[in-house]
C-alpha atoms as a PDB file:
ATOM      1  CA  MET A   1     115.130 147.771 150.824  1.00  0.00           C
ATOM      2  CA  ILE A   2     113.536 151.022 148.825  1.00  0.00           C
ATOM      3  CA  THR A   3     116.571 153.636 149.660  1.00  0.00           C
ATOM      4  CA  VAL A   4     114.850 157.147 148.858  1.00  0.00           C
ATOM      5  CA  ALA A   5     116.798 160.703 148.784  1.00  0.00           C
ATOM      6  CA  ILE A   6     114.602 163.834 149.147  1.00  0.00           C
ATOM      7  CA  ALA A   7     115.785 167.167 147.263  1.00  0.00           C
ATOM      8  CA  GLU A   8     113.127 169.652 148.664  1.00  0.00           C
ATOM      9  CA  ASP A   9     113.931 173.335 149.833  1.00  0.00           C
ATOM     10  CA  HIS A  10     110.346 173.731 151.914  1.00  0.00           C
ATOM     11  CA  GLN A  11     111.461 171.719 155.239  1.00  0.00           C
ATOM     12  CA  SER A  12     107.124 171.137 155.897  1.00  0.00           C
ATOM     13  CA  LEU A  13     106.941 169.216 152.915  1.00  0.00           C
ATOM     14  CA  ILE A  14     110.197 167.216 153.569  1.00  0.00           C
ATOM     15  CA  ASP A  15     108.457 166.954 156.870  1.00  0.00           C
ATOM     16  CA  GLY A  16     105.254 165.705 155.462  1.00  0.00           C
ATOM     17  CA  VAL A  17     106.986 163.219 153.276  1.00  0.00           C
ATOM     18  CA  GLU A  18     108.918 161.584 155.944  1.00  0.00           C
ATOM     19  CA  LEU A  19     106.256 161.033 158.305  1.00  0.00           C
ATOM     20  CA  LEU A  20     104.250 159.572 155.243  1.00  0.00           C
ATOM     21  CA  LEU A  21     107.270 156.974 154.775  1.00  0.00           C
ATOM     22  CA  ARG A  22     108.348 156.595 157.915  1.00  0.00           C
ATOM     23  CA  TYR A  23     106.555 153.196 158.960  1.00  0.00           C
ATOM     24  CA  GLU A  24     106.786 151.530 155.310  1.00  0.00           C
ATOM     25  CA  GLU A  25     109.183 148.574 156.539  1.00  0.00           C
ATOM     26  CA  GLU A  26     110.399 148.563 152.752  1.00  0.00           C
ATOM     27  CA  ILE A  27     111.414 152.179 152.118  1.00  0.00           C
ATOM     28  CA  ARG A  28     114.075 153.868 154.064  1.00  0.00           C
ATOM     29  CA  ILE A  29     115.195 157.968 153.339  1.00  0.00           C
ATOM     30  CA  ILE A  30     118.542 157.799 153.538  1.00  0.00           C
ATOM     31  CA  GLY A  31     118.882 161.578 152.878  1.00  0.00           C
ATOM     32  CA  MET A  32     117.687 164.963 152.021  1.00  0.00           C
ATOM     33  CA  ALA A  33     119.144 167.944 150.323  1.00  0.00           C
ATOM     34  CA  ASN A  34     117.674 171.771 150.178  1.00  0.00           C
ATOM     35  CA  ASP A  35     119.870 172.661 146.768  1.00  0.00           C
ATOM     36  CA  GLY A  36     121.026 170.962 143.478  1.00  0.00           C
ATOM     37  CA  GLU A  37     124.725 170.596 144.669  1.00  0.00           C
ATOM     38  CA  GLU A  38     123.745 169.102 147.844  1.00  0.00           C
ATOM     39  CA  LEU A  39     121.719 166.758 145.993  1.00  0.00           C
ATOM     40  CA  LEU A  40     124.200 165.641 143.684  1.00  0.00           C
ATOM     41  CA  TYR A  41     126.401 165.007 146.683  1.00  0.00           C
ATOM     42  CA  LEU A  42     124.447 163.276 148.391  1.00  0.00           C
ATOM     43  CA  VAL A  43     123.228 161.126 145.464  1.00  0.00           C
ATOM     44  CA  ARG A  44     126.975 160.176 144.367  1.00  0.00           C
ATOM     45  CA  ARG A  45     127.579 159.267 147.577  1.00  0.00           C
ATOM     46  CA  LYS A  46     124.992 156.828 148.852  1.00  0.00           C
ATOM     47  CA  GLN A  47     123.438 156.435 145.157  1.00  0.00           C
ATOM     48  CA  PRO A  48     119.851 155.856 146.748  1.00  0.00           C
ATOM     49  CA  LYS A  49     117.276 153.810 144.613  1.00  0.00           C
ATOM     50  CA  VAL A  50     114.547 156.755 143.952  1.00  0.00           C
ATOM     51  CA  VAL A  51     115.565 160.061 144.377  1.00  0.00           C
ATOM     52  CA  LEU A  52     111.987 162.564 144.733  1.00  0.00           C
ATOM     53  CA  MET A  53     113.154 165.772 142.665  1.00  0.00           C
ATOM     54  CA  ASP A  54     112.351 169.344 143.026  1.00  0.00           C
ATOM     55  CA  ILE A  55     112.223 171.033 139.968  1.00  0.00           C
ATOM     56  CA  ARG A  56     113.073 174.154 141.426  1.00  0.00           C
ATOM     57  CA  MET A  57     115.924 174.165 143.354  1.00  0.00           C
ATOM     58  CA  PRO A  58     118.804 176.818 144.332  1.00  0.00           C
ATOM     59  CA  LYS A  59     122.231 176.233 142.372  1.00  0.00           C
ATOM     60  CA  ILE A  60     121.726 173.219 140.147  1.00  0.00           C
ATOM     61  CA  ASP A  61     117.707 172.921 139.414  1.00  0.00           C
ATOM     62  CA  GLY A  62     115.800 169.670 139.238  1.00  0.00           C
ATOM     63  CA  ILE A  63     116.220 169.244 135.412  1.00  0.00           C
ATOM     64  CA  ALA A  64     119.480 169.559 135.446  1.00  0.00           C
ATOM     65  CA  ALA A  65     120.261 167.478 138.608  1.00  0.00           C
ATOM     66  CA  THR A  66     118.060 164.303 136.679  1.00  0.00           C
ATOM     67  CA  LYS A  67     120.140 164.689 133.910  1.00  0.00           C
ATOM     68  CA  ILE A  68     123.276 164.421 135.815  1.00  0.00           C
ATOM     69  CA  ILE A  69     122.345 161.674 137.591  1.00  0.00           C
ATOM     70  CA  LYS A  70     120.935 159.783 134.352  1.00  0.00           C
ATOM     71  CA  LYS A  71     124.331 160.098 132.936  1.00  0.00           C
ATOM     72  CA  GLU A  72     126.073 159.063 135.879  1.00  0.00           C
ATOM     73  CA  LEU A  73     124.188 156.704 137.575  1.00  0.00           C
ATOM     74  CA  PRO A  74     121.210 155.367 134.807  1.00  0.00           C
ATOM     75  CA  HIS A  75     119.644 152.663 137.577  1.00  0.00           C
ATOM     76  CA  ILE A  76     118.402 155.825 139.844  1.00  0.00           C
ATOM     77  CA  LYS A  77     114.952 156.242 139.821  1.00  0.00           C
ATOM     78  CA  ILE A  78     113.704 159.708 139.506  1.00  0.00           C
ATOM     79  CA  ILE A  79     110.431 161.192 140.499  1.00  0.00           C
ATOM     80  CA  ALA A  80     109.918 164.909 139.830  1.00  0.00           C
ATOM     81  CA  PHE A  81     108.007 166.371 142.559  1.00  0.00           C
ATOM     82  CA  SER A  82     107.064 170.372 141.804  1.00  0.00           C
ATOM     83  CA  MET A  83     104.340 172.781 142.023  1.00  0.00           C
ATOM     84  CA  PHE A  84     103.928 173.061 138.304  1.00  0.00           C
ATOM     85  CA  ASP A  85     101.873 170.716 135.957  1.00  0.00           C
ATOM     86  CA  GLN A  86     102.774 173.081 132.972  1.00  0.00           C
ATOM     87  CA  GLU A  87     103.100 171.536 129.454  1.00  0.00           C
ATOM     88  CA  ASP A  88     106.683 172.746 129.338  1.00  0.00           C
ATOM     89  CA  ALA A  89     107.676 171.617 133.114  1.00  0.00           C
ATOM     90  CA  VAL A  90     106.404 168.240 132.602  1.00  0.00           C
ATOM     91  CA  ARG A  91     107.988 167.701 129.247  1.00  0.00           C
ATOM     92  CA  GLN A  92     111.502 168.567 130.421  1.00  0.00           C
ATOM     93  CA  MET A  93     111.946 166.462 133.227  1.00  0.00           C
ATOM     94  CA  ILE A  94     110.142 162.895 130.971  1.00  0.00           C
ATOM     95  CA  ALA A  95     113.178 164.043 128.771  1.00  0.00           C
ATOM     96  CA  ALA A  96     115.449 164.333 131.347  1.00  0.00           C
ATOM     97  CA  GLY A  97     115.071 160.946 132.313  1.00  0.00           C
ATOM     98  CA  ALA A  98     112.584 161.167 135.008  1.00  0.00           C
ATOM     99  CA  GLU A  99     110.325 158.113 135.264  1.00  0.00           C
ATOM    100  CA  GLY A 100     107.767 159.844 137.212  1.00  0.00           C
ATOM    101  CA  TYR A 101     105.414 163.336 137.933  1.00  0.00           C
ATOM    102  CA  LEU A 102     103.957 164.245 140.977  1.00  0.00           C
ATOM    103  CA  VAL A 103     102.477 167.704 141.689  1.00  0.00           C
ATOM    104  CA  LYS A 104     102.935 169.280 145.576  1.00  0.00           C
ATOM    105  CA  ASN A 105      99.236 169.659 146.185  1.00  0.00           C
ATOM    106  CA  SER A 106      98.342 166.041 145.741  1.00  0.00           C
ATOM    107  CA  PRO A 107      97.933 163.646 148.641  1.00  0.00           C
ATOM    108  CA  LEU A 108     100.662 162.932 149.661  1.00  0.00           C
ATOM    109  CA  GLU A 109      99.905 158.939 149.469  1.00  0.00           C
ATOM    110  CA  GLU A 110     100.554 159.455 145.178  1.00  0.00           C
ATOM    111  CA  VAL A 111     104.402 159.639 146.549  1.00  0.00           C
ATOM    112  CA  LEU A 112     103.942 155.923 148.106  1.00  0.00           C
ATOM    113  CA  LYS A 113     102.466 154.694 145.263  1.00  0.00           C
ATOM    114  CA  ALA A 114     104.979 156.465 142.401  1.00  0.00           C
ATOM    115  CA  ILE A 115     107.729 154.913 144.495  1.00  0.00           C
ATOM    116  CA  TYR A 116     106.451 151.595 144.048  1.00  0.00           C
ATOM    117  CA  GLU A 117     105.534 151.338 140.188  1.00  0.00           C
ATOM    118  CA  VAL A 118     108.995 152.877 139.151  1.00  0.00           C
ATOM    119  CA  MET A 119     110.449 150.575 141.285  1.00  0.00           C
ATOM    120  CA  LYS A 120     108.516 147.752 139.429  1.00  0.00           C
ATOM    121  CA  GLY A 121     110.162 149.690 136.278  1.00  0.00           C
ATOM    122  CA  ASN A 122     107.061 151.677 135.549  1.00  0.00           C
ATOM    123  CA  THR A 123     106.019 155.488 134.875  1.00  0.00           C
ATOM    124  CA  TYR A 124     103.944 157.225 136.881  1.00  0.00           C
ATOM    125  CA  TYR A 125     102.253 160.243 136.162  1.00  0.00           C
ATOM    126  CA  ASP A 126     100.144 162.526 138.783  1.00  0.00           C
ATOM    127  CA  ALA A 127      96.320 162.536 137.579  1.00  0.00           C
ATOM    128  CA  THR A 128      96.179 165.974 137.484  1.00  0.00           C
ATOM    129  CA  ILE A 129      98.520 166.156 134.506  1.00  0.00           C
ATOM    130  CA  ASP A 130      96.644 166.521 131.391  1.00  0.00           C
ATOM    131  CA  PRO A 131      97.122 164.397 128.699  1.00  0.00           C
ATOM    132  CA  SER A 132      96.303 166.988 125.845  1.00  0.00           C
ATOM    133  CA  PHE A 133     100.004 168.082 127.055  1.00  0.00           C
ATOM    134  CA  PHE A 134     101.181 165.423 124.611  1.00  0.00           C
ATOM    135  CA  SER A 135     100.290 164.049 121.400  1.00  0.00           C
ATOM    136  CA  GLY A 136      98.978 161.151 119.454  1.00  0.00           C
ATOM    137  CA  ASN A 137     100.565 158.155 120.600  1.00  0.00           C
ATOM    138  CA  THR A 138     102.736 160.105 123.626  1.00  0.00           C
ATOM    139  CA  ALA A 139      99.206 161.251 125.058  1.00  0.00           C
ATOM    140  CA  GLN A 140      97.799 157.551 124.980  1.00  0.00           C
ATOM    141  CA  GLN A 141     100.872 156.189 126.690  1.00  0.00           C
ATOM    142  CA  ILE A 142     100.582 158.829 129.539  1.00  0.00           C
ATOM    143  CA  LYS A 143      96.924 157.940 130.321  1.00  0.00           C
ATOM    144  CA  LYS A 144      97.776 154.619 130.691  1.00  0.00           C
ATOM    145  CA  GLN A 145     101.038 155.287 132.919  1.00  0.00           C
ATOM    146  CA  VAL A 146      98.273 156.998 135.173  1.00  0.00           C
ATOM    147  CA  LEU A 147      96.684 153.750 135.924  1.00  0.00           C
ATOM    148  CA  SER A 148      98.224 151.159 138.449  1.00  0.00           C
ATOM    149  CA  LYS A 149      98.686 147.226 137.208  1.00  0.00           C
ATOM    150  CA  SER A 150      96.077 146.625 138.789  1.00  0.00           C
ATOM    151  CA  GLU A 151      93.661 148.844 137.216  1.00  0.00           C
ATOM    152  CA  ARG A 152      94.910 148.467 133.733  1.00  0.00           C
ATOM    153  CA  GLU A 153      94.618 144.837 134.261  1.00  0.00           C
ATOM    154  CA  ILE A 154      90.895 145.467 135.091  1.00  0.00           C
ATOM    155  CA  LEU A 155      90.503 147.723 131.795  1.00  0.00           C
ATOM    156  CA  THR A 156      91.566 144.601 129.960  1.00  0.00           C
ATOM    157  CA  PHE A 157      88.948 142.516 131.209  1.00  0.00           C
ATOM    158  CA  ILE A 158      86.509 145.116 131.023  1.00  0.00           C
ATOM    159  CA  GLY A 159      87.449 145.755 127.127  1.00  0.00           C
ATOM    160  CA  GLN A 160      86.885 141.881 126.743  1.00  0.00           C
ATOM    161  CA  GLY A 161      83.631 142.287 128.029  1.00  0.00           C
ATOM    162  CA  LYS A 162      83.299 140.882 131.448  1.00  0.00           C
ATOM    163  CA  THR A 163      81.394 141.683 134.039  1.00  0.00           C
ATOM    164  CA  THR A 164      82.328 143.028 136.887  1.00  0.00           C
ATOM    165  CA  SER A 165      81.262 139.766 139.044  1.00  0.00           C
ATOM    166  CA  GLU A 166      83.419 137.697 136.427  1.00  0.00           C
ATOM    167  CA  ILE A 167      86.507 140.020 136.830  1.00  0.00           C
ATOM    168  CA  ALA A 168      85.875 140.029 140.799  1.00  0.00           C
ATOM    169  CA  ALA A 169      86.379 135.883 140.042  1.00  0.00           C
ATOM    170  CA  ILE A 170      89.412 135.598 138.102  1.00  0.00           C
ATOM    171  CA  ARG A 171      91.361 138.065 140.290  1.00  0.00           C
ATOM    172  CA  PHE A 172      90.042 136.408 143.654  1.00  0.00           C
ATOM    173  CA  ASN A 173      88.682 140.168 144.738  1.00  0.00           C
ATOM    174  CA  SER A 174      85.662 140.863 146.269  1.00  0.00           C
ATOM    175  CA  VAL A 175      82.753 142.551 143.834  1.00  0.00           C
ATOM    176  CA  SER A 176      83.072 146.019 146.101  1.00  0.00           C
ATOM    177  CA  THR A 177      86.704 146.061 145.323  1.00  0.00           C
ATOM    178  CA  ILE A 178      86.245 145.694 141.008  1.00  0.00           C
ATOM    179  CA  GLU A 179      83.894 148.621 141.334  1.00  0.00           C
ATOM    180  CA  THR A 180      86.063 150.841 143.436  1.00  0.00           C
ATOM    181  CA  HIS A 181      88.764 150.292 140.778  1.00  0.00           C
ATOM    182  CA  ARG A 182      86.015 150.669 138.239  1.00  0.00           C
ATOM    183  CA  LYS A 183      85.775 154.759 139.850  1.00  0.00           C
ATOM    184  CA  ASN A 184      89.364 155.379 139.821  1.00  0.00           C
ATOM    185  CA  ILE A 185      89.906 154.450 136.535  1.00  0.00           C
ATOM    186  CA  ILE A 186      87.062 156.334 135.152  1.00  0.00           C
ATOM    187  CA  ARG A 187      88.116 159.416 137.658  1.00  0.00           C
ATOM    188  CA  LYS A 188      91.843 159.121 136.150  1.00  0.00           C
ATOM    189  CA  LEU A 189      91.004 159.024 132.278  1.00  0.00           C
ATOM    190  CA  GLY A 190      88.430 161.480 132.562  1.00  0.00           C
ATOM    191  CA  LEU A 191      85.493 159.446 131.754  1.00  0.00           C
ATOM    192  CA  LYS A 192      81.917 160.327 132.178  1.00  0.00           C
ATOM    193  CA  GLY A 193      80.389 157.376 133.574  1.00  0.00           C
ATOM    194  CA  LYS A 194      80.515 153.165 132.826  1.00  0.00           C
ATOM    195  CA  GLY A 195      79.150 154.076 129.283  1.00  0.00           C
ATOM    196  CA  GLU A 196      82.372 155.928 127.959  1.00  0.00           C
ATOM    197  CA  LEU A 197      84.434 153.616 130.212  1.00  0.00           C
ATOM    198  CA  LEU A 198      83.028 150.097 127.997  1.00  0.00           C
ATOM    199  CA  ARG A 199      83.824 152.445 124.875  1.00  0.00           C
ATOM    200  CA  TYR A 200      87.654 152.863 125.680  1.00  0.00           C
ATOM    201  CA  ALA A 201      88.138 149.568 127.072  1.00  0.00           C
ATOM    202  CA  ILE A 202      86.819 148.316 123.947  1.00  0.00           C
ATOM    203  CA  GLU A 203      88.511 150.581 121.802  1.00  0.00           C
ATOM    204  CA  LYS A 204      92.033 150.150 123.648  1.00  0.00           C
ATOM    205  CA  LYS A 205      92.068 146.985 124.802  1.00  0.00           C
ATOM    206  CA  TYR A 206      95.064 145.780 122.498  1.00  0.00           C
ATOM    207  CA  ASP A 207      97.231 148.704 123.638  1.00  0.00           C
ATOM    208  CA  PHE A 208      97.198 147.056 127.329  1.00  0.00           C
END
């Protein structure tokens, strides 16, 4: 069971996330907090596996709270949940130890994806976050982290020159499923069509 705590001071957003997760058999919300002090008390007492962390909170902000949690309970996964996708906010939360970063105006389904990804030991960054916020290898790493495990595997096959039909056969998927993955990869990486996708996959195939 994946236990989740939510740190958020907007009740409407809490209600939306709670409704989204209510019918997930593998996920259970074990507490909610409206400020940083309340969150730390909740986390220390119940030790959830994942915390959805607002950055702007009263008393103790999300960045400071993340640092404290990661120092005391480093096994707890932190997913930043913010209205802000500015470079400083993203950098500070990652530096504090957050495994994921979501922007609040993204579809709520992204929350579900992020929870499952961080519980696999991966990181998850909102597709709207501009990889140019980061330089050098970090920019490439963030781009890769935007993709799901399946999308990274498919990108590797594309880089190896395999066709959609061949990838579908290898993965025991339908051709339409692979085509959908291709479109999602193109969108997430900000590429312009299949030609750019192929070039990107060939250039980066050893990185995946």
